């Protein structure tokens, strides 16, 4: 038998479990592509990128792929997640004194 724990609070989830799926991918606006972009010869630019990759071993496109996440949530965390999916209001704001 499978046992699930909430990925937010860590509590064991009973019969009522919620799944949150998140997909992050690069956005593009086809309207921003101009005729000049399509007509340009990008061979030199590609050669420079490949040369840089050979020198550093890093690709500038490493983080450009689609990332998918899946989270199991208990009922109470599901309610909080639906109200604030990016947790913008959940972070405690730190107030530092002016020294």
N, C-alpha and C. Protein backbone atom coordinates (compact mmCIF):
# COMPACT_ATOMS: atom_id res chain seq x y z
N UNK A 1 0.84 -1.18 0.00
CA UNK A 1 0.00 0.00 0.00
C UNK A 1 0.88 1.24 0.00
N UNK A 2 0.51 2.21 -0.82
CA UNK A 2 1.27 3.44 -0.92
C UNK A 2 0.85 4.42 0.17
N UNK A 3 1.84 5.12 0.71
CA UNK A 3 1.58 6.18 1.69
C UNK A 3 2.12 7.47 1.10
N UNK A 4 1.34 8.52 1.21
CA UNK A 4 1.74 9.81 0.67
C UNK A 4 1.92 10.80 1.81
N UNK A 5 2.86 11.70 1.61
CA UNK A 5 3.04 12.81 2.54
C UNK A 5 2.89 14.10 1.75
N UNK A 6 2.39 15.12 2.41
CA UNK A 6 2.20 16.41 1.79
C UNK A 6 3.56 17.04 1.50
N UNK A 7 3.75 17.49 0.28
CA UNK A 7 5.03 18.09 -0.10
C UNK A 7 5.23 19.48 0.48
N UNK A 8 4.18 20.08 1.06
CA UNK A 8 4.34 21.39 1.70
C UNK A 8 4.56 21.29 3.20
N UNK A 9 3.69 20.55 3.89
CA UNK A 9 3.80 20.51 5.35
C UNK A 9 4.45 19.23 5.88
N UNK A 10 4.57 18.20 5.05
CA UNK A 10 5.23 16.97 5.47
C UNK A 10 4.35 16.00 6.22
N UNK A 11 3.08 16.34 6.42
CA UNK A 11 2.17 15.45 7.13
C UNK A 11 1.72 14.31 6.22
N UNK A 12 1.43 13.17 6.83
CA UNK A 12 0.93 12.06 6.05
C UNK A 12 -0.46 12.40 5.53
N UNK A 13 -0.71 12.08 4.25
CA UNK A 13 -1.98 12.40 3.60
C UNK A 13 -2.87 11.18 3.67
N UNK A 14 -4.11 11.40 4.08
CA UNK A 14 -5.08 10.31 4.18
C UNK A 14 -5.73 10.02 2.83
N UNK A 15 -7.01 9.71 2.88
CA UNK A 15 -7.74 9.37 1.67
C UNK A 15 -7.91 10.55 0.72
N UNK A 16 -8.00 11.74 1.28
CA UNK A 16 -8.21 12.91 0.44
C UNK A 16 -6.86 13.57 0.15
N UNK A 17 -6.41 13.40 -1.07
CA UNK A 17 -5.11 13.90 -1.50
C UNK A 17 -5.30 14.71 -2.76
N UNK A 18 -4.55 15.78 -2.88
CA UNK A 18 -4.61 16.64 -4.06
C UNK A 18 -3.26 16.63 -4.75
N UNK A 19 -3.29 16.74 -6.06
CA UNK A 19 -2.06 16.78 -6.85
C UNK A 19 -1.99 18.13 -7.55
N UNK A 20 -0.87 18.81 -7.39
CA UNK A 20 -0.62 20.06 -8.09
C UNK A 20 0.50 19.81 -9.10
N UNK A 21 0.24 20.17 -10.34
CA UNK A 21 1.25 20.02 -11.39
C UNK A 21 1.62 21.40 -11.89
N UNK A 22 2.90 21.57 -12.12
CA UNK A 22 3.41 22.87 -12.55
C UNK A 22 4.33 22.63 -13.73
N UNK A 23 4.17 23.42 -14.76
CA UNK A 23 5.01 23.31 -15.95
C UNK A 23 5.59 24.69 -16.24
N UNK A 24 6.90 24.74 -16.39
CA UNK A 24 7.59 26.00 -16.66
C UNK A 24 8.35 25.84 -17.98
N UNK A 25 8.11 26.77 -18.90
CA UNK A 25 8.77 26.67 -20.19
C UNK A 25 8.99 28.08 -20.74
N UNK A 26 9.95 28.20 -21.65
CA UNK A 26 10.22 29.52 -22.21
C UNK A 26 9.02 30.02 -23.03
N UNK A 27 8.71 31.26 -22.87
CA UNK A 27 7.63 31.86 -23.64
C UNK A 27 8.23 32.63 -24.81
N UNK A 28 7.49 32.64 -25.88
CA UNK A 28 7.90 33.46 -27.01
C UNK A 28 6.66 34.06 -27.65
N UNK A 29 6.85 35.19 -28.24
CA UNK A 29 5.76 35.86 -28.91
C UNK A 29 6.06 35.88 -30.40
N UNK A 30 5.35 35.09 -31.19
CA UNK A 30 5.63 35.03 -32.63
C UNK A 30 5.54 36.40 -33.30
N UNK A 31 4.79 37.31 -32.71
CA UNK A 31 4.66 38.63 -33.32
C UNK A 31 5.94 39.45 -33.18
N UNK A 32 6.83 39.04 -32.27
CA UNK A 32 8.09 39.77 -32.10
C UNK A 32 9.15 39.37 -33.12
N UNK A 33 8.92 38.30 -33.85
CA UNK A 33 9.85 37.86 -34.88
C UNK A 33 9.59 38.69 -36.13
N UNK A 34 10.63 39.35 -36.59
CA UNK A 34 10.47 40.23 -37.76
C UNK A 34 11.00 39.54 -39.01
N UNK A 35 10.74 40.13 -40.14
CA UNK A 35 11.27 39.63 -41.41
C UNK A 35 12.80 39.67 -41.40
N UNK A 36 13.35 40.69 -40.77
CA UNK A 36 14.82 40.81 -40.67
C UNK A 36 15.40 39.63 -39.90
N UNK A 37 14.70 39.20 -38.81
CA UNK A 37 15.16 38.04 -38.04
C UNK A 37 15.19 36.79 -38.92
N UNK A 38 14.19 36.65 -39.76
CA UNK A 38 14.11 35.46 -40.61
C UNK A 38 15.11 35.50 -41.75
N UNK A 39 15.42 36.69 -42.23
CA UNK A 39 16.34 36.83 -43.36
C UNK A 39 17.80 36.83 -42.93
N UNK A 40 18.09 37.10 -41.68
CA UNK A 40 19.47 37.21 -41.20
C UNK A 40 20.18 35.86 -41.25
N UNK A 41 21.50 35.92 -41.51
CA UNK A 41 22.33 34.72 -41.50
C UNK A 41 22.95 34.61 -40.11
N UNK A 42 22.50 33.64 -39.35
CA UNK A 42 22.94 33.50 -37.96
C UNK A 42 24.12 32.55 -37.80
N UNK A 43 24.79 32.19 -38.90
CA UNK A 43 25.88 31.23 -38.84
C UNK A 43 27.04 31.71 -37.96
N UNK A 44 27.41 32.97 -38.07
CA UNK A 44 28.51 33.51 -37.25
C UNK A 44 28.14 33.49 -35.77
N UNK A 45 26.92 33.86 -35.46
CA UNK A 45 26.45 33.85 -34.07
C UNK A 45 26.47 32.44 -33.50
N UNK A 46 26.04 31.47 -34.28
CA UNK A 46 26.06 30.07 -33.84
C UNK A 46 27.49 29.60 -33.64
N UNK A 47 28.39 29.96 -34.54
CA UNK A 47 29.80 29.57 -34.40
C UNK A 47 30.40 30.13 -33.12
N UNK A 48 30.05 31.36 -32.76
CA UNK A 48 30.57 31.97 -31.53
C UNK A 48 30.01 31.26 -30.30
N UNK A 49 28.74 30.89 -30.33
CA UNK A 49 28.14 30.17 -29.21
C UNK A 49 28.79 28.82 -29.04
N UNK A 50 29.01 28.10 -30.15
CA UNK A 50 29.66 26.78 -30.08
C UNK A 50 31.08 26.91 -29.55
N UNK A 51 31.82 27.92 -29.99
CA UNK A 51 33.18 28.15 -29.50
C UNK A 51 33.18 28.42 -28.00
N UNK A 52 32.24 29.23 -27.54
CA UNK A 52 32.13 29.54 -26.11
C UNK A 52 31.80 28.27 -25.32
N UNK A 53 30.92 27.43 -25.87
CA UNK A 53 30.56 26.18 -25.19
C UNK A 53 31.77 25.25 -25.09
N UNK A 54 32.58 25.22 -26.12
CA UNK A 54 33.78 24.37 -26.09
C UNK A 54 34.77 24.86 -25.06
N UNK A 55 34.87 26.17 -24.87
CA UNK A 55 35.80 26.73 -23.90
C UNK A 55 35.33 26.53 -22.47
N UNK A 56 34.06 26.76 -22.22
CA UNK A 56 33.55 26.72 -20.85
C UNK A 56 32.89 25.40 -20.48
N UNK A 57 32.42 24.66 -21.46
CA UNK A 57 31.71 23.42 -21.18
C UNK A 57 30.27 23.65 -20.76
N UNK A 58 29.82 24.89 -20.83
CA UNK A 58 28.46 25.23 -20.44
C UNK A 58 27.67 25.68 -21.66
N UNK A 59 26.40 25.36 -21.65
CA UNK A 59 25.52 25.77 -22.73
C UNK A 59 24.63 26.90 -22.25
N UNK A 60 24.48 27.94 -23.06
CA UNK A 60 23.58 29.03 -22.66
C UNK A 60 22.12 28.60 -22.68
N UNK A 61 21.85 27.43 -23.22
CA UNK A 61 20.47 26.94 -23.32
C UNK A 61 20.15 25.87 -22.30
N UNK A 62 21.01 25.66 -21.31
CA UNK A 62 20.79 24.60 -20.33
C UNK A 62 19.45 24.71 -19.61
N UNK A 63 19.05 25.90 -19.25
CA UNK A 63 17.82 26.09 -18.48
C UNK A 63 16.63 26.49 -19.34
N UNK A 64 16.71 26.30 -20.63
CA UNK A 64 15.64 26.75 -21.51
C UNK A 64 14.59 25.68 -21.79
N UNK A 65 14.83 24.48 -21.35
CA UNK A 65 13.86 23.42 -21.62
C UNK A 65 12.68 23.48 -20.69
N UNK A 66 11.68 22.67 -21.01
CA UNK A 66 10.48 22.59 -20.19
C UNK A 66 10.79 21.84 -18.90
N UNK A 67 10.32 22.36 -17.80
CA UNK A 67 10.47 21.71 -16.49
C UNK A 67 9.07 21.40 -15.98
N UNK A 68 8.87 20.18 -15.52
CA UNK A 68 7.58 19.77 -14.97
C UNK A 68 7.76 19.34 -13.53
N UNK A 69 6.82 19.76 -12.68
CA UNK A 69 6.85 19.44 -11.27
C UNK A 69 5.50 18.86 -10.87
N UNK A 70 5.53 17.97 -9.88
CA UNK A 70 4.30 17.35 -9.37
C UNK A 70 4.40 17.33 -7.86
N UNK A 71 3.34 17.80 -7.19
CA UNK A 71 3.34 17.86 -5.74
C UNK A 71 2.07 17.22 -5.19
N UNK A 72 2.21 16.43 -4.14
CA UNK A 72 1.07 15.88 -3.41
C UNK A 72 0.76 16.84 -2.26
N UNK A 73 -0.53 17.17 -2.10
CA UNK A 73 -0.93 18.13 -1.07
C UNK A 73 -2.04 17.56 -0.21
N UNK A 74 -1.98 17.89 1.07
CA UNK A 74 -3.08 17.55 1.97
C UNK A 74 -4.19 18.58 1.75
N UNK A 75 -5.40 18.33 2.25
CA UNK A 75 -6.50 19.27 2.01
C UNK A 75 -6.22 20.70 2.48
N UNK A 76 -5.58 20.87 3.63
CA UNK A 76 -5.36 22.23 4.12
C UNK A 76 -4.31 22.95 3.28
N UNK A 77 -3.26 22.26 2.86
CA UNK A 77 -2.25 22.89 2.01
C UNK A 77 -2.80 23.16 0.62
N UNK A 78 -3.71 22.32 0.15
CA UNK A 78 -4.35 22.55 -1.15
C UNK A 78 -5.13 23.85 -1.12
N UNK A 79 -5.83 24.11 -0.04
CA UNK A 79 -6.59 25.36 0.07
C UNK A 79 -5.65 26.57 0.05
N UNK A 80 -4.54 26.46 0.80
CA UNK A 80 -3.57 27.56 0.81
C UNK A 80 -2.93 27.74 -0.57
N UNK A 81 -2.61 26.62 -1.23
CA UNK A 81 -1.97 26.67 -2.54
C UNK A 81 -2.89 27.33 -3.57
N UNK A 82 -4.16 26.99 -3.55
CA UNK A 82 -5.11 27.55 -4.51
C UNK A 82 -5.27 29.06 -4.29
N UNK A 83 -5.24 29.51 -3.04
CA UNK A 83 -5.38 30.94 -2.76
C UNK A 83 -4.13 31.73 -3.15
N UNK A 84 -2.96 31.10 -3.03
CA UNK A 84 -1.70 31.81 -3.27
C UNK A 84 -0.69 30.85 -3.90
N UNK A 85 -0.87 30.48 -5.18
CA UNK A 85 -0.03 29.44 -5.79
C UNK A 85 1.46 29.78 -5.85
N UNK A 86 1.79 31.05 -5.92
CA UNK A 86 3.20 31.44 -5.96
C UNK A 86 3.75 31.80 -4.59
N UNK A 87 2.93 31.64 -3.57
CA UNK A 87 3.32 31.93 -2.17
C UNK A 87 3.84 33.36 -2.01
N UNK A 88 3.28 34.27 -2.77
CA UNK A 88 3.69 35.67 -2.69
C UNK A 88 3.34 36.29 -1.35
N UNK A 89 2.24 35.84 -0.76
CA UNK A 89 1.80 36.43 0.50
C UNK A 89 2.18 35.57 1.71
N UNK A 90 2.81 34.45 1.45
CA UNK A 90 3.14 33.53 2.54
C UNK A 90 4.48 33.82 3.18
N UNK A 91 5.35 34.50 2.46
CA UNK A 91 6.68 34.76 3.01
C UNK A 91 6.59 35.80 4.12
N UNK A 92 7.31 35.54 5.17
CA UNK A 92 7.38 36.53 6.25
C UNK A 92 8.32 37.63 5.80
N UNK A 93 7.83 38.81 5.83
CA UNK A 93 8.66 39.96 5.44
C UNK A 93 9.58 40.29 6.61
N UNK A 94 10.87 40.38 6.30
CA UNK A 94 11.84 40.72 7.32
C UNK A 94 11.98 42.21 7.42
N UNK A 95 11.86 42.72 8.60
CA UNK A 95 12.04 44.14 8.83
C UNK A 95 13.31 44.33 9.65
N UNK A 96 14.29 44.95 9.02
CA UNK A 96 15.56 45.18 9.68
C UNK A 96 15.58 46.60 10.24
N UNK A 97 16.20 46.74 11.38
CA UNK A 97 16.33 48.09 11.93
C UNK A 97 17.35 48.87 11.13
N UNK A 98 17.18 50.16 11.13
CA UNK A 98 18.12 51.03 10.41
C UNK A 98 19.26 51.40 11.35
N UNK A 99 20.39 50.74 11.19
CA UNK A 99 21.57 51.01 12.03
C UNK A 99 22.56 51.83 11.28
